[in-house]
Amino acid sequence: GMEKGIDFSYGEHVELQHTQVVPLYFLLPEPKIPILPIYVNTWVDPVPTPRRCYQVGELVREVAQKRGERIAILATGGLSHFPGSPRIGEIDTKFDHGLLEIMREGKGRTLADYSLDQLLQAGDSEFLNWMVALGAVGDVKADSTFYMPDHIAPGWGFVSWKL
């Protein structure tokens, strides 16, 4: 990634967290495939920009294409929510629906122009994980989207692309 300006860090003893393990458990109860977790810092400065996360996804796509391998990309993280803040329990359904509409239209690249502040104000900092997936799929229309507002947890969003 360095030749593309992406400076990854590396951890020898990084463990999968609930955000990866729970979806994998339901998708692949007995995973027998290589798994490459890509952690995105969504909370502690310096937090990457949406554009930087999109570029990481583009790099993932480029590597997969060069290797000629089929890959699955699973991006996790809630849509709007405000854990650990006075706004806990709030969600921004209008903003969340707007994000999903952009993915339905196949205009994910435009989300790279969002500022980190826009995402933070809407409680969508974890959407940075989704930006990596958007970079990997490019400007392809989502095959399906689903949204369920939940005022105890984040707004639940699901998007799939079949490429």
Protein backbone atom coordinates (compact mmCIF):
# COMPACT_ATOMS: atom_id res chain seq x y z
CA GLY A 1 0.00 0.00 0.00
CA MET A 2 2.89 2.43 0.60
CA GLU A 3 3.47 2.96 -3.14
CA LYS A 4 -0.18 4.09 -3.34
CA GLY A 5 0.20 6.41 -0.35
CA ILE A 6 -1.65 4.10 2.05
CA ASP A 7 0.32 3.69 5.25
CA PHE A 8 -1.09 0.61 6.98
CA SER A 9 -0.09 -0.23 10.51
CA TYR A 10 0.38 -3.82 11.58
CA GLY A 11 -0.38 -5.69 14.78
CA GLU A 12 1.06 -9.10 15.58
CA HIS A 13 -1.51 -10.01 18.22
CA VAL A 14 -4.69 -8.31 17.05
CA GLU A 15 -7.81 -10.35 17.76
CA LEU A 16 -11.09 -10.31 15.91
CA GLN A 17 -13.73 -8.31 17.77
CA HIS A 18 -17.51 -8.68 18.04
CA THR A 19 -17.96 -6.58 14.93
CA GLN A 20 -16.25 -9.29 12.88
CA VAL A 21 -16.96 -12.45 14.85
CA VAL A 22 -20.75 -12.14 15.10
CA PRO A 23 -21.39 -11.62 11.35
CA LEU A 24 -18.84 -14.30 10.45
CA TYR A 25 -20.51 -16.76 12.81
CA PHE A 26 -23.79 -16.40 10.95
CA LEU A 27 -22.28 -16.23 7.46
CA LEU A 28 -19.59 -18.88 7.86
CA PRO A 29 -20.19 -21.08 10.92
CA GLU A 30 -17.03 -23.04 10.07
CA PRO A 31 -14.81 -20.60 8.17
CA LYS A 32 -12.26 -22.38 6.04
CA ILE A 33 -11.17 -19.40 4.05
CA PRO A 34 -8.50 -16.78 4.67
CA ILE A 35 -9.79 -13.74 6.54
CA LEU A 36 -8.00 -10.41 6.42
CA PRO A 37 -9.42 -8.00 8.97
CA ILE A 38 -8.93 -4.34 8.16
CA TYR A 39 -9.51 -2.21 11.22
CA VAL A 40 -10.48 1.41 10.71
CA ASN A 41 -9.95 3.81 13.58
CA THR A 42 -13.34 5.48 13.87
CA TRP A 43 -13.06 7.14 17.29
CA VAL A 44 -9.60 8.32 18.34
CA ASP A 45 -7.64 11.10 16.65
CA PRO A 46 -6.19 10.96 14.12
CA VAL A 47 -9.25 9.44 12.44
CA PRO A 48 -8.91 8.84 8.68
CA THR A 49 -11.07 10.82 6.29
CA PRO A 50 -13.87 9.19 4.29
CA ARG A 51 -11.71 9.71 1.17
CA ARG A 52 -8.78 7.87 2.74
CA CYS A 53 -11.04 4.94 3.66
CA TYR A 54 -12.43 4.87 0.12
CA GLN A 55 -8.85 4.75 -1.22
CA VAL A 56 -8.09 1.76 1.00
CA GLY A 57 -11.08 0.00 -0.56
CA GLU A 58 -9.84 0.85 -4.05
CA LEU A 59 -6.51 -0.73 -3.15
CA VAL A 60 -8.28 -3.89 -1.91
CA ARG A 61 -10.13 -4.11 -5.24
CA GLU A 62 -6.92 -3.57 -7.22
CA VAL A 63 -5.06 -6.30 -5.33
CA ALA A 64 -7.96 -8.75 -5.70
CA GLN A 65 -8.18 -8.07 -9.44
CA LYS A 66 -4.42 -8.54 -9.90
CA ARG A 67 -4.56 -11.83 -8.01
CA GLY A 68 -7.58 -12.99 -9.99
CA GLU A 69 -9.35 -14.10 -6.83
CA ARG A 70 -12.95 -13.79 -5.81
CA ILE A 71 -13.32 -12.04 -2.50
CA ALA A 72 -16.10 -11.14 -0.13
CA ILE A 73 -15.98 -7.87 1.75
CA LEU A 74 -17.82 -7.45 5.00
CA ALA A 75 -17.94 -3.95 6.45
CA THR A 76 -19.42 -3.62 9.90
CA GLY A 77 -20.27 -0.72 12.14
CA GLY A 78 -23.46 0.98 13.03
CA LEU A 79 -25.06 3.75 11.12
CA SER A 80 -26.10 6.72 13.25
CA HIS A 81 -25.65 6.37 16.99
CA PHE A 82 -23.82 8.23 19.72
CA PRO A 83 -22.34 5.76 22.24
CA GLY A 84 -20.76 7.29 25.30
CA SER A 85 -22.16 10.76 24.65
CA PRO A 86 -25.07 12.87 25.90
CA ARG A 87 -26.84 12.00 22.63
CA ILE A 88 -26.92 8.26 23.37
CA GLY A 89 -30.18 6.77 22.12
CA GLU A 90 -30.50 9.25 19.25
CA ILE A 91 -30.27 8.20 15.62
CA ASP A 92 -30.40 10.30 12.47
CA THR A 93 -32.73 8.34 10.20
CA LYS A 94 -32.76 11.05 7.52
CA PHE A 95 -28.96 10.97 7.21
CA ASP A 96 -28.90 7.15 7.30
CA HIS A 97 -31.53 6.89 4.55
CA GLY A 98 -29.53 9.38 2.50
CA LEU A 99 -26.42 7.20 2.74
CA LEU A 100 -28.36 4.11 1.69
CA GLU A 101 -29.97 5.96 -1.24
CA ILE A 102 -26.56 7.01 -2.53
CA MET A 103 -25.45 3.35 -2.44
CA ARG A 104 -28.65 2.25 -4.22
CA GLU A 105 -27.87 4.77 -6.96
CA GLY A 106 -24.29 3.49 -7.33
CA LYS A 107 -22.77 6.82 -6.34
CA GLY A 108 -20.66 5.63 -3.43
CA ARG A 109 -17.67 7.62 -4.63
CA THR A 110 -19.56 10.83 -3.79
CA LEU A 111 -19.55 9.81 -0.12
CA ALA A 112 -15.76 10.19 -0.14
CA ASP A 113 -16.42 13.93 -0.35
CA TYR A 114 -18.20 13.93 3.00
CA SER A 115 -16.20 15.46 5.80
CA LEU A 116 -15.43 13.56 8.95
CA ASP A 117 -17.34 16.29 10.80
CA GLN A 118 -20.49 15.58 8.74
CA LEU A 119 -20.33 11.92 9.75
CA LEU A 120 -19.64 12.75 13.40
CA GLN A 121 -22.54 15.21 13.60
CA ALA A 122 -24.87 12.49 12.30
CA GLY A 123 -23.40 9.85 14.61
CA ASP A 124 -22.04 7.91 11.65
CA SER A 125 -18.31 7.69 12.41
CA GLU A 126 -18.43 3.90 12.04
CA PHE A 127 -19.57 4.48 8.46
CA LEU A 128 -15.85 4.85 7.73
CA ASN A 129 -15.76 1.04 7.69
CA TRP A 130 -18.42 1.08 4.99
CA MET A 131 -16.31 3.56 3.01
CA VAL A 132 -13.64 0.87 2.61
CA ALA A 133 -16.28 -1.46 1.15
CA LEU A 134 -17.55 1.31 -1.14
CA GLY A 135 -14.04 1.85 -2.47
CA ALA A 136 -13.79 -1.87 -3.19
CA VAL A 137 -17.09 -2.07 -5.09
CA GLY A 138 -16.71 1.25 -6.89
CA ASP A 139 -19.68 3.03 -8.41
CA VAL A 140 -21.90 -0.03 -8.66
CA LYS A 141 -25.57 0.12 -7.71
CA ALA A 142 -26.39 -1.84 -4.58
CA ASP A 143 -28.50 -4.92 -5.26
CA SER A 144 -30.39 -4.55 -2.02
CA THR A 145 -30.56 -2.24 0.98
CA PHE A 146 -32.42 -2.56 4.25
CA TYR A 147 -32.76 -0.16 7.16
CA MET A 148 -34.23 -0.60 10.61
CA PRO A 149 -34.15 2.30 13.06
CA ASP A 150 -33.48 1.23 16.63
CA HIS A 151 -33.41 3.85 19.36
CA ILE A 152 -31.56 1.60 21.80
CA ALA A 153 -28.71 0.75 19.43
CA PRO A 154 -27.56 2.21 16.11
CA GLY A 155 -29.68 2.49 13.02
CA TRP A 156 -29.29 -0.93 11.42
CA GLY A 157 -28.39 -0.82 7.75
CA PHE A 158 -27.63 -3.65 5.38
CA VAL A 159 -26.41 -3.34 1.80
CA SER A 160 -25.31 -5.98 -0.68
CA TRP A 161 -23.67 -5.93 -4.07
CA LYS A 162 -23.18 -8.92 -6.34
CA LEU A 163 -20.27 -8.20 -8.62
